[in-house]
Protein backbone atom coordinates (compact mmCIF):
# COMPACT_ATOMS: atom_id res chain seq x y z
CA UNK A 1 5.51 -4.87 -22.03
CA UNK A 2 5.41 -7.01 -25.06
CA UNK A 3 3.57 -4.78 -27.57
CA UNK A 4 5.60 -2.08 -29.17
CA UNK A 5 2.41 -0.02 -29.38
CA UNK A 6 2.08 0.28 -25.74
CA UNK A 7 3.54 3.40 -24.01
CA UNK A 8 6.02 2.98 -21.14
CA UNK A 9 5.13 3.98 -17.62
CA UNK A 10 7.36 6.18 -15.51
CA UNK A 11 7.06 6.93 -11.76
CA UNK A 12 7.86 10.64 -11.28
CA UNK A 13 6.47 11.46 -7.83
CA UNK A 14 5.76 9.75 -4.53
CA UNK A 15 4.07 10.64 -1.27
CA UNK A 16 3.25 8.68 1.90
CA UNK A 17 2.06 8.75 5.50
CA UNK A 18 2.11 5.94 8.04
CA UNK A 19 3.08 5.17 11.65
CA UNK A 20 6.73 5.95 10.78
CA UNK A 21 6.07 9.54 9.63
CA UNK A 22 4.03 11.91 7.45
CA UNK A 23 6.36 12.23 4.57
CA UNK A 24 8.47 9.93 2.39
CA UNK A 25 11.85 11.16 3.63
CA UNK A 26 11.12 10.52 7.27
CA UNK A 27 9.40 7.11 6.57
CA UNK A 28 12.28 5.85 4.43
CA UNK A 29 15.06 6.94 6.86
CA UNK A 30 13.27 5.26 9.82
CA UNK A 31 12.51 2.11 7.83
CA UNK A 32 16.20 1.78 6.92
CA UNK A 33 17.02 2.12 10.51
CA UNK A 34 14.59 -0.72 11.27
CA UNK A 35 12.45 1.51 13.56
CA UNK A 36 8.91 0.38 14.52
CA UNK A 37 5.96 2.62 13.76
CA UNK A 38 3.69 0.47 15.85
CA UNK A 39 2.51 1.72 19.25
CA UNK A 40 -0.37 1.90 21.68
CA UNK A 41 -3.41 3.71 20.45
CA UNK A 42 -3.71 7.33 21.51
CA UNK A 43 -6.34 8.70 19.09
CA UNK A 44 -9.44 7.10 20.64
CA UNK A 45 -10.87 5.58 23.80
CA UNK A 46 -9.78 1.96 23.98
CA UNK A 47 -12.88 0.83 25.88
CA UNK A 48 -12.88 -3.05 26.11
CA UNK A 49 -10.87 -3.57 22.86
CA UNK A 50 -8.80 -6.85 23.06
CA UNK A 51 -6.08 -5.28 20.90
CA UNK A 52 -4.81 -1.88 22.09
CA UNK A 53 -2.09 -1.04 19.49
CA UNK A 54 -1.46 -0.60 15.78
CA UNK A 55 0.49 1.39 13.18
CA UNK A 56 -1.23 4.65 14.17
CA UNK A 57 -0.40 7.94 12.64
CA UNK A 58 0.32 10.27 15.49
CA UNK A 59 -0.26 14.08 15.81
CA UNK A 60 -1.65 14.45 12.28
CA UNK A 61 -4.06 17.18 11.11
CA UNK A 62 -4.52 17.75 7.41
CA UNK A 63 -3.41 21.17 6.30
CA UNK A 64 -6.16 23.77 5.95
CA UNK A 65 -4.58 24.58 2.58
CA UNK A 66 -5.64 21.11 1.39
CA UNK A 67 -8.98 20.81 3.13
CA UNK A 68 -10.50 23.93 4.66
CA UNK A 69 -10.74 23.72 8.42
CA UNK A 70 -14.52 24.09 8.30
CA UNK A 71 -14.73 21.16 5.95
CA UNK A 72 -12.30 18.75 7.51
CA UNK A 73 -15.00 17.05 9.73
CA UNK A 74 -16.95 16.35 6.47
CA UNK A 75 -14.48 13.68 5.43
CA UNK A 76 -13.18 10.57 7.09
CA UNK A 77 -9.54 10.21 8.11
CA UNK A 78 -8.60 8.07 5.13
CA UNK A 79 -9.62 10.90 2.78
CA UNK A 80 -7.31 13.30 4.77
CA UNK A 81 -4.41 10.81 4.35
CA UNK A 82 -5.01 10.53 0.58
CA UNK A 83 -5.14 14.34 0.01
CA UNK A 84 -2.03 14.86 2.20
CA UNK A 85 0.05 12.29 0.38
CA UNK A 86 -1.20 13.23 -2.95
CA UNK A 87 -0.02 16.75 -2.50
CA UNK A 88 3.44 15.45 -1.55
CA UNK A 89 3.57 13.26 -4.70
CA UNK A 90 2.49 16.03 -7.04
CA UNK A 91 5.02 18.46 -5.69
CA UNK A 92 7.64 15.84 -5.78
CA UNK A 93 6.89 15.22 -9.53
CA UNK A 94 6.98 19.01 -10.20
CA UNK A 95 3.81 18.27 -12.26
CA UNK A 96 2.81 21.84 -12.50
CA UNK A 97 6.18 23.41 -13.31
CA UNK A 98 5.57 24.82 -16.73
CA UNK A 99 2.34 24.30 -18.78
CA UNK A 100 3.10 20.85 -19.97
CA UNK A 101 -0.12 18.92 -19.40
CA UNK A 102 -3.76 19.28 -20.31
CA UNK A 103 -5.94 18.53 -17.33
CA UNK A 104 -8.22 16.49 -19.47
CA UNK A 105 -5.32 14.09 -19.84
CA UNK A 106 -4.70 13.71 -16.09
CA UNK A 107 -6.65 11.08 -14.14
CA UNK A 108 -6.91 9.71 -10.63
CA UNK A 109 -7.38 6.06 -9.65
CA UNK A 110 -7.08 5.20 -5.88
CA UNK A 111 -7.44 2.01 -3.89
CA UNK A 112 -9.42 1.84 -0.65
CA UNK A 113 -10.11 -1.40 1.03
CA UNK A 114 -12.65 -0.62 3.73
CA UNK A 115 -13.67 3.06 3.54
CA UNK A 116 -14.74 5.37 6.45
CA UNK A 117 -15.33 2.98 9.29
CA UNK A 118 -14.61 5.55 12.11
CA UNK A 119 -17.07 7.97 10.70
CA UNK A 120 -19.72 5.22 10.21
CA UNK A 121 -19.28 4.19 13.87
CA UNK A 122 -19.63 7.78 15.23
CA UNK A 123 -22.69 8.35 12.97
CA UNK A 124 -24.28 5.12 14.08
CA UNK A 125 -23.82 5.90 17.75
CA UNK A 126 -25.43 9.34 17.20
CA UNK A 127 -28.34 7.78 15.34
CA UNK A 128 -29.00 5.32 18.13
CA UNK A 129 -28.91 8.18 20.71
CA UNK A 130 -30.91 10.77 18.80
CA UNK A 131 -32.49 9.43 15.69
CA UNK A 132 -32.15 10.36 12.01
CA UNK A 133 -31.77 14.06 12.73
CA UNK A 134 -28.33 13.20 14.26
CA UNK A 135 -27.08 11.95 10.85
CA UNK A 136 -25.15 14.63 9.03
CA UNK A 137 -26.11 15.45 5.42
CA UNK A 138 -22.42 15.07 4.69
CA UNK A 139 -22.32 11.44 6.01
CA UNK A 140 -22.36 9.70 2.67
CA UNK A 141 -19.56 11.61 0.90
CA UNK A 142 -17.58 11.43 4.11
CA UNK A 143 -17.22 7.67 4.01
CA UNK A 144 -17.52 6.38 0.42
CA UNK A 145 -14.24 5.00 -0.86
CA UNK A 146 -14.15 7.02 -4.13
CA UNK A 147 -14.08 10.33 -2.33
CA UNK A 148 -10.18 9.98 -2.34
CA UNK A 149 -10.02 10.17 -6.13
CA UNK A 150 -13.04 12.50 -6.29
CA UNK A 151 -11.52 15.25 -3.98
CA UNK A 152 -8.07 15.03 -5.66
CA UNK A 153 -9.74 15.44 -9.05
CA UNK A 154 -11.83 18.40 -7.81
CA UNK A 155 -8.94 20.11 -6.01
CA UNK A 156 -6.66 20.09 -9.08
CA UNK A 157 -9.26 20.21 -11.86
CA UNK A 158 -8.13 16.84 -13.29
CA UNK A 159 -10.83 15.90 -15.83
CA UNK A 160 -9.50 12.48 -16.82
CA UNK A 161 -10.52 9.15 -15.30
CA UNK A 162 -11.72 9.38 -11.69
CA UNK A 163 -12.60 6.26 -9.62
CA UNK A 164 -11.44 4.07 -6.73
CA UNK A 165 -10.96 0.33 -6.52
CA UNK A 166 -11.81 -1.84 -3.59
CA UNK A 167 -10.27 -5.29 -3.55
CA UNK A 168 -9.33 -5.72 0.10
CA UNK A 169 -5.56 -5.72 0.77
CA UNK A 170 -4.78 -5.74 -3.02
CA UNK A 171 -6.83 -2.49 -3.59
CA UNK A 172 -3.86 -0.13 -4.24
CA UNK A 173 -1.92 -2.70 -6.21
CA UNK A 174 -4.91 -3.10 -8.48
CA UNK A 175 -5.33 0.74 -8.62
CA UNK A 176 -1.73 1.14 -9.70
CA UNK A 177 -2.20 -1.49 -12.38
CA UNK A 178 -5.34 0.15 -13.72
CA UNK A 179 -3.62 3.58 -13.76
CA UNK A 180 -0.73 2.04 -15.67
CA UNK A 181 -3.14 0.60 -18.25
CA UNK A 182 -4.52 4.12 -18.92
CA UNK A 183 -1.08 5.39 -19.78
CA UNK A 184 -0.01 2.30 -21.70
CA UNK A 185 -3.00 2.55 -23.91
CA UNK A 186 -2.44 6.28 -24.57
CA UNK A 187 -5.75 7.31 -22.86
CA UNK A 188 -3.87 9.57 -20.33
CA UNK A 189 -0.58 11.30 -19.91
CA UNK A 190 -0.55 11.18 -16.10
CA UNK A 191 -2.53 9.19 -13.54
CA UNK A 192 -2.32 9.85 -9.80
CA UNK A 193 -2.68 6.54 -8.06
CA UNK A 194 -2.10 4.57 -4.88
CA UNK A 195 -4.30 4.00 -1.83
CA UNK A 196 -5.48 5.19 1.62
CA UNK A 197 -6.89 3.47 4.70
CA UNK A 198 -7.77 4.34 8.23
CA UNK A 199 -9.75 1.72 10.12
CA UNK A 200 -8.20 1.97 13.55
CA UNK A 201 -11.63 1.84 15.23
CA UNK A 202 -13.82 -0.41 17.29
CA UNK A 203 -15.62 -2.52 14.65
CA UNK A 204 -12.62 -3.47 12.40
CA UNK A 205 -10.31 -4.17 15.39
CA UNK A 206 -12.93 -6.26 17.14
CA UNK A 207 -13.78 -8.17 13.86
CA UNK A 208 -10.12 -9.02 13.05
CA UNK A 209 -9.52 -9.86 16.71
CA UNK A 210 -12.45 -12.24 16.91
CA UNK A 211 -11.34 -13.78 13.73
CA UNK A 212 -7.95 -14.44 15.35
CA UNK A 213 -6.27 -12.67 12.49
CA UNK A 214 -4.39 -9.95 14.39
CA UNK A 215 -1.65 -10.03 17.07
CA UNK A 216 -2.74 -9.56 20.63
CA UNK A 217 0.79 -8.76 21.92
CA UNK A 218 -0.44 -5.78 23.93
CA UNK A 219 2.56 -5.82 26.27
CA UNK A 220 5.12 -5.34 23.38
CA UNK A 221 3.40 -3.54 20.52
CA UNK A 222 6.60 -2.55 18.79
CA UNK A 223 7.44 -6.33 18.61
CA UNK A 224 4.02 -7.55 17.63
CA UNK A 225 4.42 -7.61 13.85
CA UNK A 226 6.69 -10.59 13.26
CA UNK A 227 6.55 -11.82 9.63
CA UNK A 228 8.14 -15.21 9.01
CA UNK A 229 9.05 -15.59 12.70
CA UNK A 230 8.08 -18.73 14.46
CA UNK A 231 6.40 -16.79 17.30
CA UNK A 232 4.18 -14.70 15.04
CA UNK A 233 0.52 -14.45 16.11
CA UNK A 234 -1.20 -12.42 13.40
CA UNK A 235 -0.93 -9.10 11.60
CA UNK A 236 -0.99 -5.62 13.09
CA UNK A 237 -3.40 -3.05 11.58
CA UNK A 238 -1.80 0.10 10.29
CA UNK A 239 -3.17 3.29 8.73
CA UNK A 240 -1.93 5.76 6.17
CA UNK A 241 -1.56 6.33 2.42
CA UNK A 242 0.82 5.94 -0.39
CA UNK A 243 0.49 7.88 -3.66
CA UNK A 244 2.41 7.59 -6.90
CA UNK A 245 2.49 9.81 -9.98
CA UNK A 246 2.50 7.56 -13.08
CA UNK A 247 3.43 9.33 -16.26
CA UNK A 248 3.94 8.55 -19.92
CA UNK A 249 7.72 7.87 -20.05
CA UNK A 250 8.26 9.74 -23.31
CA UNK A 251 6.58 12.84 -21.92
CA UNK A 252 8.41 12.57 -18.62
CA UNK A 253 11.80 12.53 -20.44
CA UNK A 254 10.76 15.49 -22.62
CA UNK A 255 9.95 17.66 -19.65
CA UNK A 256 13.08 16.67 -17.82
CA UNK A 257 11.22 14.97 -14.93
CA UNK A 258 13.14 13.04 -12.37
CA UNK A 259 12.18 9.31 -13.05
CA UNK A 260 12.35 7.15 -9.97
CA UNK A 261 11.49 3.87 -11.70
CA UNK A 262 9.56 2.28 -14.54
CA UNK A 263 6.64 0.05 -13.98
CA UNK A 264 7.40 -2.87 -16.32
CA UNK A 265 5.26 -5.80 -15.17
CA UNK A 266 1.98 -6.41 -13.49
CA UNK A 267 -0.64 -9.07 -12.97
CA UNK A 268 -3.80 -9.91 -11.06
CA UNK A 269 -5.23 -13.38 -10.28
CA UNK A 270 -7.58 -15.15 -7.89
CA UNK A 271 -6.94 -18.03 -5.53
CA UNK A 272 -10.52 -19.31 -5.97
CA UNK A 273 -10.00 -21.06 -2.70
CA UNK A 274 -11.37 -19.45 0.49
CA UNK A 275 -12.78 -16.17 1.66
CA UNK A 276 -9.84 -15.33 4.13
CA UNK A 277 -7.24 -18.09 3.95
CA UNK A 278 -4.60 -18.28 1.19
CA UNK A 279 -4.19 -21.53 -0.82
CA UNK A 280 -1.68 -23.50 1.26
CA UNK A 281 0.72 -23.86 -1.71
CA UNK A 282 0.19 -20.34 -2.80
CA UNK A 283 -1.43 -21.21 -6.16
CA UNK A 284 -2.86 -17.78 -6.82
CA UNK A 285 0.33 -16.05 -5.76
CA UNK A 286 2.39 -18.37 -8.05
CA UNK A 287 0.15 -17.53 -10.97
CA UNK A 288 0.27 -13.77 -10.20
CA UNK A 289 4.01 -13.54 -9.89
CA UNK A 290 4.54 -15.75 -13.02
CA UNK A 291 2.17 -13.59 -15.05
CA UNK A 292 3.79 -10.38 -13.86
CA UNK A 293 7.24 -11.75 -14.90
CA UNK A 294 5.74 -12.67 -18.27
CA UNK A 295 4.25 -9.26 -18.79
CA UNK A 296 7.66 -7.72 -18.05
CA UNK A 297 9.35 -10.28 -20.44
CA UNK A 298 11.70 -10.92 -17.55
CA UNK A 299 13.31 -14.13 -16.12
CA UNK A 300 12.66 -14.81 -12.58
CA UNK A 301 16.47 -14.63 -11.74
CA UNK A 302 16.45 -10.90 -12.72
CA UNK A 303 14.45 -9.94 -9.66
CA UNK A 304 16.72 -8.56 -6.96
CA UNK A 305 14.21 -7.66 -4.23
CA UNK A 306 10.67 -8.79 -3.21
CA UNK A 307 8.58 -6.64 -0.90
CA UNK A 308 6.51 -9.54 0.48
CA UNK A 309 2.92 -9.37 1.44
CA UNK A 310 4.33 -10.84 4.64
CA UNK A 311 1.51 -10.14 7.10
CA UNK A 312 2.82 -12.36 9.98
CA UNK A 313 -0.23 -14.71 9.84
CA UNK A 314 0.66 -18.41 10.38
CA UNK A 315 -0.86 -19.52 7.01
CA UNK A 316 0.00 -16.55 4.91
CA UNK A 317 3.74 -16.39 5.43
CA UNK A 318 4.13 -20.07 4.65
CA UNK A 319 1.93 -19.95 1.57
CA UNK A 320 3.88 -16.95 0.23
CA UNK A 321 7.24 -18.62 0.88
CA UNK A 322 5.98 -21.76 -0.92
CA UNK A 323 4.91 -19.64 -3.93
CA UNK A 324 8.24 -17.74 -4.09
CA UNK A 325 10.05 -21.08 -4.08
CA UNK A 326 7.80 -22.39 -6.78
CA UNK A 327 8.28 -19.36 -9.15
CA UNK A 328 12.00 -18.57 -8.38
CA UNK A 329 13.33 -22.09 -7.98
CA UNK A 330 16.98 -21.86 -6.84
CA UNK A 331 16.99 -18.09 -7.17
CA UNK A 332 14.50 -18.01 -4.27
CA UNK A 333 17.46 -18.47 -1.94
CA UNK A 334 19.41 -15.61 -3.55
CA UNK A 335 16.64 -12.87 -3.97
CA UNK A 336 16.35 -10.55 -0.98
CA UNK A 337 12.86 -10.45 0.53
CA UNK A 338 11.55 -8.08 3.25
CA UNK A 339 8.28 -7.63 4.95
CA UNK A 340 7.96 -3.93 5.75
CA UNK A 341 4.70 -4.56 7.55
CA UNK A 342 6.88 -5.54 10.45
CA UNK A 343 7.51 -1.79 10.95
CA UNK A 344 4.36 -0.07 9.78
CA UNK A 345 1.65 -2.73 10.18
CA UNK A 346 -0.77 -3.83 7.48
CA UNK A 347 -2.26 -0.78 5.78
CA UNK A 348 -4.85 -2.98 4.10
CA UNK A 349 -6.11 -1.18 0.97
CA UNK A 350 -3.06 1.15 1.05
CA UNK A 351 -0.44 -1.62 1.54
CA UNK A 352 0.45 -2.14 -2.10
CA UNK A 353 0.97 1.59 -2.71
CA UNK A 354 3.34 2.26 0.26
CA UNK A 355 5.14 -0.92 -0.33
CA UNK A 356 5.71 -0.14 -3.93
CA UNK A 357 7.23 3.09 -2.74
CA UNK A 358 9.63 1.02 -0.61
CA UNK A 359 10.51 -1.06 -3.74
CA UNK A 360 11.20 2.04 -5.69
CA UNK A 361 13.42 3.65 -2.99
CA UNK A 362 15.31 0.38 -2.51
CA UNK A 363 16.23 0.58 -6.20
CA UNK A 364 17.09 4.29 -6.05
CA UNK A 365 19.32 4.09 -2.93
CA UNK A 366 20.64 0.51 -3.25
CA UNK A 367 19.50 -0.47 0.16
CA UNK A 368 16.79 -3.01 1.26
CA UNK A 369 14.69 -2.19 4.35
CA UNK A 370 14.70 -5.06 6.90
CA UNK A 371 12.15 -7.42 8.33
CA UNK A 372 12.26 -6.44 11.97
CA UNK A 373 11.33 -8.77 14.87
CA UNK A 374 12.57 -11.76 12.87
CA UNK A 375 14.38 -13.39 15.67
CA UNK A 376 13.88 -17.16 14.96
CA UNK A 377 12.45 -17.99 11.52
CA UNK A 378 9.80 -20.49 11.14
CA UNK A 379 11.41 -23.62 9.83
CA UNK A 380 9.02 -23.52 6.81
CA UNK A 381 10.19 -19.97 6.12
CA UNK A 382 13.80 -20.42 5.18
CA UNK A 383 14.56 -17.75 2.68
CA UNK A 384 16.48 -14.47 3.01
CA UNK A 385 14.02 -12.12 4.65
CA UNK A 386 16.70 -9.47 5.41
CA UNK A 387 16.24 -10.02 9.24
CA UNK A 388 16.48 -6.89 11.52
CA UNK A 389 19.15 -4.94 9.57
CA UNK A 390 19.01 -3.22 6.22
CA UNK A 391 21.05 -4.86 3.42
CA UNK A 392 23.14 -2.88 0.98
CA UNK A 393 22.52 -4.26 -2.52
CA UNK A 394 22.21 -3.03 -6.15
CA UNK A 395 18.56 -3.53 -7.04
CA UNK A 396 17.69 -3.39 -10.77
CA UNK A 397 14.29 -5.08 -10.56
CA UNK A 398 11.86 -5.19 -7.63
CA UNK A 399 8.61 -7.03 -7.10
CA UNK A 400 5.71 -6.06 -4.72
CA UNK A 401 3.24 -8.68 -3.68
CA UNK A 402 -0.31 -7.81 -2.33
CA UNK A 403 -2.79 -10.52 -1.52
CA UNK A 404 -6.35 -9.95 -0.14
CA UNK A 405 -9.39 -11.57 1.35
CA UNK A 406 -11.55 -13.14 -1.18
CA UNK A 407 -8.42 -14.69 -2.75
CA UNK A 408 -7.53 -11.65 -4.74
CA UNK A 409 -3.87 -11.02 -5.82
CA UNK A 410 -1.72 -8.29 -7.24
CA UNK A 411 1.92 -8.27 -8.32
CA UNK A 412 3.93 -5.27 -9.62
CA UNK A 413 7.45 -5.27 -11.05
CA UNK A 414 9.60 -2.10 -11.12
CA UNK A 415 12.76 -1.38 -12.99
CA UNK A 416 15.51 0.98 -11.79
CA UNK A 417 16.02 4.03 -13.98
């Protein structure tokens, strides 16, 4: 960042859950293999749904050590995911080894795009059948988006900032940015951040399907998410969470923490164009990537890897490609780009967090996860999207793009440590 008075931001812990697995190691190993975490739904009755698959988390029950068994039904699935991945990230950061932090200086900022839709649906059906007495007194705290940050704070006694951000598919990107600002300004020493989402249920699936936004490739779910491919027919809904521990770099070094990466650039912009469609030339994305590079004091040619928003929508992939070409010029054809949504689906409000983790691990391990199902590229999408096979490469700087309904954009730049 430009000002010498701003503190540097280290990432010292990560945790995740999605259709590829319930921990970072499994998810990363399968992503590098180019495995698909997209499958037919198994957690609920499909009824007459026009789309019968997604990036579903299989065989998951939150540990009773994290949420007591008697309390688990009091909170929607997205809250379970957040608590689960937060615990992994905190343990990974060894945050409580020693007595280094005051809990008043630890905060939580999470991103949630849509909140507890499955719980809302179940409660609504109960109400229609039996009236108001069928509505649980725990209904409201079960579904509100800020219960992710709230429960994390309560569980660990974190008394710093505590709130959640909802900005559609850019939610967790914006949450990470807000968390970084708290550290940069010296308000907090640590902020737990990221996002969680779990909307594999009737109303969201029906709404997205009737909008013609999601793939209906029911016969081949593992091949349905096809970013930048000419045969793409929409995104695939995923579920899960990604959580990062952001820490004051100076304190992280003093306590001997393992530092995965440094967050060096960030920006947020608006397309101011349309409720659901991106600007065709990617104007908002151009502005966001450019401002993120400026905030990092970094030339575009220094970026080695872009984890693209890459949802596999006909308009979105072309607009993002156009934006990358505009910002990166001739370097656009040299930078490696991948859309990991091809493997895990679109985690909506949690997308930016788990995709930031992919950026960080690409730098750590010197390998870029592929864009699977990219068999024949759309002629308008002619960049290096790392098709179908991981690419070995030294990655010093990586960029994560997240763009959401309402024309909202987030870009984050990470530096290898």
